[in-house]
PDB file of N, CA and C in Angstrom:
ATOM      1  N   UNK A   1      89.504  99.342  84.416  1.00  0.00           N
ATOM      2  CA  UNK A   1      90.679  99.322  85.273  1.00  0.00           C
ATOM      3  C   UNK A   1      91.243 100.430  85.398  1.00  0.00           C
ATOM      4  N   UNK A   2      92.345 100.093  84.770  1.00  0.00           N
ATOM      5  CA  UNK A   2      93.350 101.815  84.370  1.00  0.00           C
ATOM      6  C   UNK A   2      92.895 101.652  82.606  1.00  0.00           C
ATOM      7  N   UNK A   3      92.979 103.370  82.873  1.00  0.00           N
ATOM      8  CA  UNK A   3      93.090 104.116  81.889  1.00  0.00           C
ATOM      9  C   UNK A   3      94.060 105.121  82.280  1.00  0.00           C
ATOM     10  N   UNK A   4      95.411 104.876  81.300  1.00  0.00           N
ATOM     11  CA  UNK A   4      96.440 105.848  81.631  1.00  0.00           C
ATOM     12  C   UNK A   4      96.549 105.902  80.483  1.00  0.00           C
ATOM     13  N   UNK A   5      97.751 107.166  80.338  1.00  0.00           N
ATOM     14  CA  UNK A   5      98.773 107.801  78.871  1.00  0.00           C
ATOM     15  C   UNK A   5      99.638 108.357  79.466  1.00  0.00           C
ATOM     16  N   UNK A   6     100.238 108.179  79.106  1.00  0.00           N
ATOM     17  CA  UNK A   6     101.563 108.661  79.383  1.00  0.00           C
ATOM     18  C   UNK A   6     101.104 109.884  79.372  1.00  0.00           C
ATOM     19  N   UNK A   7     100.609 110.848  78.786  1.00  0.00           N
ATOM     20  CA  UNK A   7     100.263 112.218  78.982  1.00  0.00           C
ATOM     21  C   UNK A   7      99.453 112.677  81.020  1.00  0.00           C
ATOM     22  N   UNK A   8      99.133 111.233  81.250  1.00  0.00           N
ATOM     23  CA  UNK A   8      98.817 111.458  82.943  1.00  0.00           C
ATOM     24  C   UNK A   8      99.401 110.784  83.667  1.00  0.00           C
ATOM     25  N   UNK A   9     100.648 110.812  83.169  1.00  0.00           N
ATOM     26  CA  UNK A   9     101.200 109.855  84.109  1.00  0.00           C
ATOM     27  C   UNK A   9     102.529 111.204  84.154  1.00  0.00           C
ATOM     28  N   UNK A  10     103.323 111.211  83.395  1.00  0.00           N
ATOM     29  CA  UNK A  10     103.944 113.165  84.099  1.00  0.00           C
ATOM     30  C   UNK A  10     103.676 113.885  84.225  1.00  0.00           C
ATOM     31  N   UNK A  11     101.717 113.840  84.634  1.00  0.00           N
ATOM     32  CA  UNK A  11     101.885 115.171  85.684  1.00  0.00           C
ATOM     33  C   UNK A  11     101.344 113.823  86.894  1.00  0.00           C
ATOM     34  N   UNK A  12     101.239 112.672  86.967  1.00  0.00           N
ATOM     35  CA  UNK A  12     101.502 112.781  88.502  1.00  0.00           C
ATOM     36  C   UNK A  12     103.303 112.544  89.784  1.00  0.00           C
ATOM     37  N   UNK A  13     102.421 112.556  90.970  1.00  0.00           N
ATOM     38  CA  UNK A  13     104.141 112.842  91.379  1.00  0.00           C
ATOM     39  C   UNK A  13     104.917 111.523  91.830  1.00  0.00           C
ATOM     40  N   UNK A  14     106.020 111.071  92.080  1.00  0.00           N
ATOM     41  CA  UNK A  14     106.494 110.258  92.453  1.00  0.00           C
ATOM     42  C   UNK A  14     105.869 109.462  93.318  1.00  0.00           C
ATOM     43  N   UNK A  15     104.970 109.226  94.001  1.00  0.00           N
ATOM     44  CA  UNK A  15     104.320 109.083  94.646  1.00  0.00           C
ATOM     45  C   UNK A  15     103.124 108.294  94.336  1.00  0.00           C
ATOM     46  N   UNK A  16     102.387 109.019  93.704  1.00  0.00           N
ATOM     47  CA  UNK A  16     101.804 108.093  92.665  1.00  0.00           C
ATOM     48  C   UNK A  16     101.899 107.555  91.954  1.00  0.00           C
ATOM     49  N   UNK A  17     102.813 107.204  90.959  1.00  0.00           N
ATOM     50  CA  UNK A  17     103.526 106.659  90.599  1.00  0.00           C
ATOM     51  C   UNK A  17     104.245 105.142  90.905  1.00  0.00           C
ATOM     52  N   UNK A  18     104.475 105.338  92.050  1.00  0.00           N
ATOM     53  CA  UNK A  18     104.131 104.283  93.233  1.00  0.00           C
ATOM     54  C   UNK A  18     103.150 103.312  93.243  1.00  0.00           C
ATOM     55  N   UNK A  19     102.157 104.575  93.884  1.00  0.00           N
ATOM     56  CA  UNK A  19     100.805 104.047  94.140  1.00  0.00           C
ATOM     57  C   UNK A  19     101.097 103.034  93.252  1.00  0.00           C
ATOM     58  N   UNK A  20     100.701 103.307  91.738  1.00  0.00           N
ATOM     59  CA  UNK A  20      99.769 103.066  90.904  1.00  0.00           C
ATOM     60  C   UNK A  20     101.053 101.645  89.620  1.00  0.00           C
ATOM     61  N   UNK A  21     102.041 101.765  90.640  1.00  0.00           N
ATOM     62  CA  UNK A  21     102.589 100.617  89.887  1.00  0.00           C
ATOM     63  C   UNK A  21     102.310  99.673  90.658  1.00  0.00           C
ATOM     64  N   UNK A  22     101.827  99.647  92.465  1.00  0.00           N
ATOM     65  CA  UNK A  22     101.498  99.121  93.233  1.00  0.00           C
ATOM     66  C   UNK A  22     100.558  98.006  93.130  1.00  0.00           C
ATOM     67  N   UNK A  23     100.053  98.741  92.195  1.00  0.00           N
ATOM     68  CA  UNK A  23      97.671  98.894  92.244  1.00  0.00           C
ATOM     69  C   UNK A  23      98.493  97.708  91.312  1.00  0.00           C
ATOM     70  N   UNK A  24      99.186  97.701  89.937  1.00  0.00           N
ATOM     71  CA  UNK A  24      98.663  97.200  89.074  1.00  0.00           C
ATOM     72  C   UNK A  24      98.914  95.829  89.036  1.00  0.00           C
ATOM     73  N   UNK A  25     100.007  96.093  89.694  1.00  0.00           N
ATOM     74  CA  UNK A  25     101.406  94.596  90.470  1.00  0.00           C
ATOM     75  C   UNK A  25     100.133  93.618  90.966  1.00  0.00           C
ATOM     76  N   UNK A  26      99.215  94.384  91.775  1.00  0.00           N
ATOM     77  CA  UNK A  26      98.464  93.487  92.950  1.00  0.00           C
ATOM     78  C   UNK A  26      97.281  92.920  91.821  1.00  0.00           C
ATOM     79  N   UNK A  27      96.791  94.105  90.884  1.00  0.00           N
ATOM     80  CA  UNK A  27      95.951  93.031  90.356  1.00  0.00           C
ATOM     81  C   UNK A  27      96.268  92.419  89.530  1.00  0.00           C
ATOM     82  N   UNK A  28      97.040  92.475  89.156  1.00  0.00           N
ATOM     83  CA  UNK A  28      98.650  91.787  88.057  1.00  0.00           C
ATOM     84  C   UNK A  28      97.874  90.229  88.410  1.00  0.00           C
ATOM     85  N   UNK A  29      98.851  90.501  89.903  1.00  0.00           N
ATOM     86  CA  UNK A  29      98.629  88.846  90.429  1.00  0.00           C
ATOM     87  C   UNK A  29      97.518  88.174  90.024  1.00  0.00           C
ATOM     88  N   UNK A  30      95.977  88.799  91.034  1.00  0.00           N
ATOM     89  CA  UNK A  30      95.363  88.576  91.123  1.00  0.00           C
ATOM     90  C   UNK A  30      94.265  88.041  89.847  1.00  0.00           C
ATOM     91  N   UNK A  31      94.281  88.869  88.391  1.00  0.00           N
ATOM     92  CA  UNK A  31      93.820  88.313  87.441  1.00  0.00           C
ATOM     93  C   UNK A  31      93.634  87.141  86.708  1.00  0.00           C
ATOM     94  N   UNK A  32      92.579  87.039  86.505  1.00  0.00           N
ATOM     95  CA  UNK A  32      93.230  85.335  85.467  1.00  0.00           C
ATOM     96  C   UNK A  32      93.826  85.579  83.962  1.00  0.00           C
ATOM     97  N   UNK A  33      95.254  85.296  82.976  1.00  0.00           N
ATOM     98  CA  UNK A  33      95.676  85.526  82.086  1.00  0.00           C
ATOM     99  C   UNK A  33      94.494  85.437  80.980  1.00  0.00           C
ATOM    100  N   UNK A  34      94.811  85.930  80.206  1.00  0.00           N
ATOM    101  CA  UNK A  34      94.292  86.208  79.112  1.00  0.00           C
ATOM    102  C   UNK A  34      92.346  86.326  78.661  1.00  0.00           C
ATOM    103  N   UNK A  35      92.215  87.748  80.007  1.00  0.00           N
ATOM    104  CA  UNK A  35      91.227  87.840  80.318  1.00  0.00           C
ATOM    105  C   UNK A  35      91.728  89.798  80.214  1.00  0.00           C
ATOM    106  N   UNK A  36      90.190  90.190  80.041  1.00  0.00           N
ATOM    107  CA  UNK A  36      90.727  91.617  79.991  1.00  0.00           C
ATOM    108  C   UNK A  36      91.232  92.232  81.447  1.00  0.00           C
ATOM    109  N   UNK A  37      91.453  92.001  81.401  1.00  0.00           N
ATOM    110  CA  UNK A  37      91.369  92.820  83.621  1.00  0.00           C
ATOM    111  C   UNK A  37      93.052  92.333  83.021  1.00  0.00           C
ATOM    112  N   UNK A  38      93.733  91.070  82.711  1.00  0.00           N
ATOM    113  CA  UNK A  38      94.706  90.773  83.594  1.00  0.00           C
ATOM    114  C   UNK A  38      95.697  91.901  82.224  1.00  0.00           C
ATOM    115  N   UNK A  39      94.630  92.060  80.824  1.00  0.00           N
ATOM    116  CA  UNK A  39      95.897  92.567  79.683  1.00  0.00           C
ATOM    117  C   UNK A  39      96.141  94.796  80.133  1.00  0.00           C
ATOM    118  N   UNK A  40      95.106  94.910  80.804  1.00  0.00           N
ATOM    119  CA  UNK A  40      94.334  95.902  81.285  1.00  0.00           C
ATOM    120  C   UNK A  40      95.237  96.761  82.193  1.00  0.00           C
ATOM    121  N   UNK A  41      96.264  95.591  83.106  1.00  0.00           N
ATOM    122  CA  UNK A  41      96.944  95.804  83.595  1.00  0.00           C
ATOM    123  C   UNK A  41      97.899  95.683  83.364  1.00  0.00           C
ATOM    124  N   UNK A  42      98.853  94.499  82.706  1.00  0.00           N
ATOM    125  CA  UNK A  42      99.367  94.979  81.895  1.00  0.00           C
ATOM    126  C   UNK A  42     100.620  95.688  81.047  1.00  0.00           C
ATOM    127  N   UNK A  43      99.016  95.818  80.499  1.00  0.00           N
ATOM    128  CA  UNK A  43      99.410  97.685  79.695  1.00  0.00           C
ATOM    129  C   UNK A  43      99.731  98.794  80.364  1.00  0.00           C
ATOM    130  N   UNK A  44      99.431  98.719  81.593  1.00  0.00           N
ATOM    131  CA  UNK A  44      99.173  99.950  82.960  1.00  0.00           C
ATOM    132  C   UNK A  44     100.750  99.902  83.384  1.00  0.00           C
ATOM    133  N   UNK A  45     101.036  98.796  83.757  1.00  0.00           N
ATOM    134  CA  UNK A  45     102.231  98.617  84.264  1.00  0.00           C
ATOM    135  C   UNK A  45     103.678  98.765  83.826  1.00  0.00           C
ATOM    136  N   UNK A  46     102.849  98.490  82.428  1.00  0.00           N
ATOM    137  CA  UNK A  46     104.244  98.669  81.409  1.00  0.00           C
ATOM    138  C   UNK A  46     104.423 100.269  81.021  1.00  0.00           C
ATOM    139  N   UNK A  47     102.991 100.624  81.327  1.00  0.00           N
ATOM    140  CA  UNK A  47     103.439 101.997  81.215  1.00  0.00           C
ATOM    141  C   UNK A  47     103.530 103.606  81.710  1.00  0.00           C
ATOM    142  N   UNK A  48     103.576 102.277  83.424  1.00  0.00           N
ATOM    143  CA  UNK A  48     103.896 103.247  84.630  1.00  0.00           C
ATOM    144  C   UNK A  48     105.098 103.178  85.053  1.00  0.00           C
ATOM    145  N   UNK A  49     106.180 101.640  84.068  1.00  0.00           N
ATOM    146  CA  UNK A  49     107.112 101.436  84.504  1.00  0.00           C
ATOM    147  C   UNK A  49     108.631 101.996  83.774  1.00  0.00           C
ATOM    148  N   UNK A  50     107.870 102.521  83.084  1.00  0.00           N
ATOM    149  CA  UNK A  50     108.671 103.444  82.105  1.00  0.00           C
ATOM    150  C   UNK A  50     108.483 105.083  82.418  1.00  0.00           C
ATOM    151  N   UNK A  51     107.795 105.772  82.568  1.00  0.00           N
ATOM    152  CA  UNK A  51     107.706 106.806  82.966  1.00  0.00           C
ATOM    153  C   UNK A  51     108.986 106.472  84.412  1.00  0.00           C
ATOM    154  N   UNK A  52     108.524 105.810  85.232  1.00  0.00           N
ATOM    155  CA  UNK A  52     109.371 105.946  86.714  1.00  0.00           C
ATOM    156  C   UNK A  52     111.902 105.662  86.174  1.00  0.00           C
ATOM    157  N   UNK A  53     110.935 105.034  84.601  1.00  0.00           N
ATOM    158  CA  UNK A  53     112.631 104.115  84.069  1.00  0.00           C
ATOM    159  C   UNK A  53     113.067 106.131  83.871  1.00  0.00           C
ATOM    160  N   UNK A  54     112.079 107.468  82.637  1.00  0.00           N
ATOM    161  CA  UNK A  54     111.808 108.376  82.669  1.00  0.00           C
ATOM    162  C   UNK A  54     112.910 109.372  83.246  1.00  0.00           C
ATOM    163  N   UNK A  55     112.074 109.452  84.953  1.00  0.00           N
ATOM    164  CA  UNK A  55     112.538 110.007  85.756  1.00  0.00           C
ATOM    165  C   UNK A  55     113.391 109.720  86.379  1.00  0.00           C
ATOM    166  N   UNK A  56     114.647 107.921  85.881  1.00  0.00           N
ATOM    167  CA  UNK A  56     115.344 107.882  87.072  1.00  0.00           C
ATOM    168  C   UNK A  56     115.192 107.321  87.623  1.00  0.00           C
ATOM    169  N   UNK A  57     113.812 106.444  88.786  1.00  0.00           N
ATOM    170  CA  UNK A  57     113.501 106.525  89.306  1.00  0.00           C
ATOM    171  C   UNK A  57     112.964 104.601  89.439  1.00  0.00           C
ATOM    172  N   UNK A  58     113.196 103.978  90.848  1.00  0.00           N
ATOM    173  CA  UNK A  58     113.161 102.423  90.676  1.00  0.00           C
ATOM    174  C   UNK A  58     112.964 102.275  92.508  1.00  0.00           C
ATOM    175  N   UNK A  59     111.472 101.266  91.799  1.00  0.00           N
ATOM    176  CA  UNK A  59     111.041 101.035  92.610  1.00  0.00           C
ATOM    177  C   UNK A  59     111.168  99.580  93.269  1.00  0.00           C
ATOM    178  N   UNK A  60     110.544  99.173  94.426  1.00  0.00           N
ATOM    179  CA  UNK A  60     112.648  97.652  94.836  1.00  0.00           C
ATOM    180  C   UNK A  60     111.213  96.802  95.398  1.00  0.00           C
TER     181      UNK A  60
END
């Protein structure tokens, strides 16, 4: 589902990052724990959050 790298995220616009963050959050909320989907979504969410923080942006 989510195949992202830090390099990929640095090329995204702020709006694209916010959208990816929301998609990962929704996917994480619906995925069963201890599944590959859950782990991928959690990892993607962490990468996106780190990039947003690096840019000084905060989602509400």
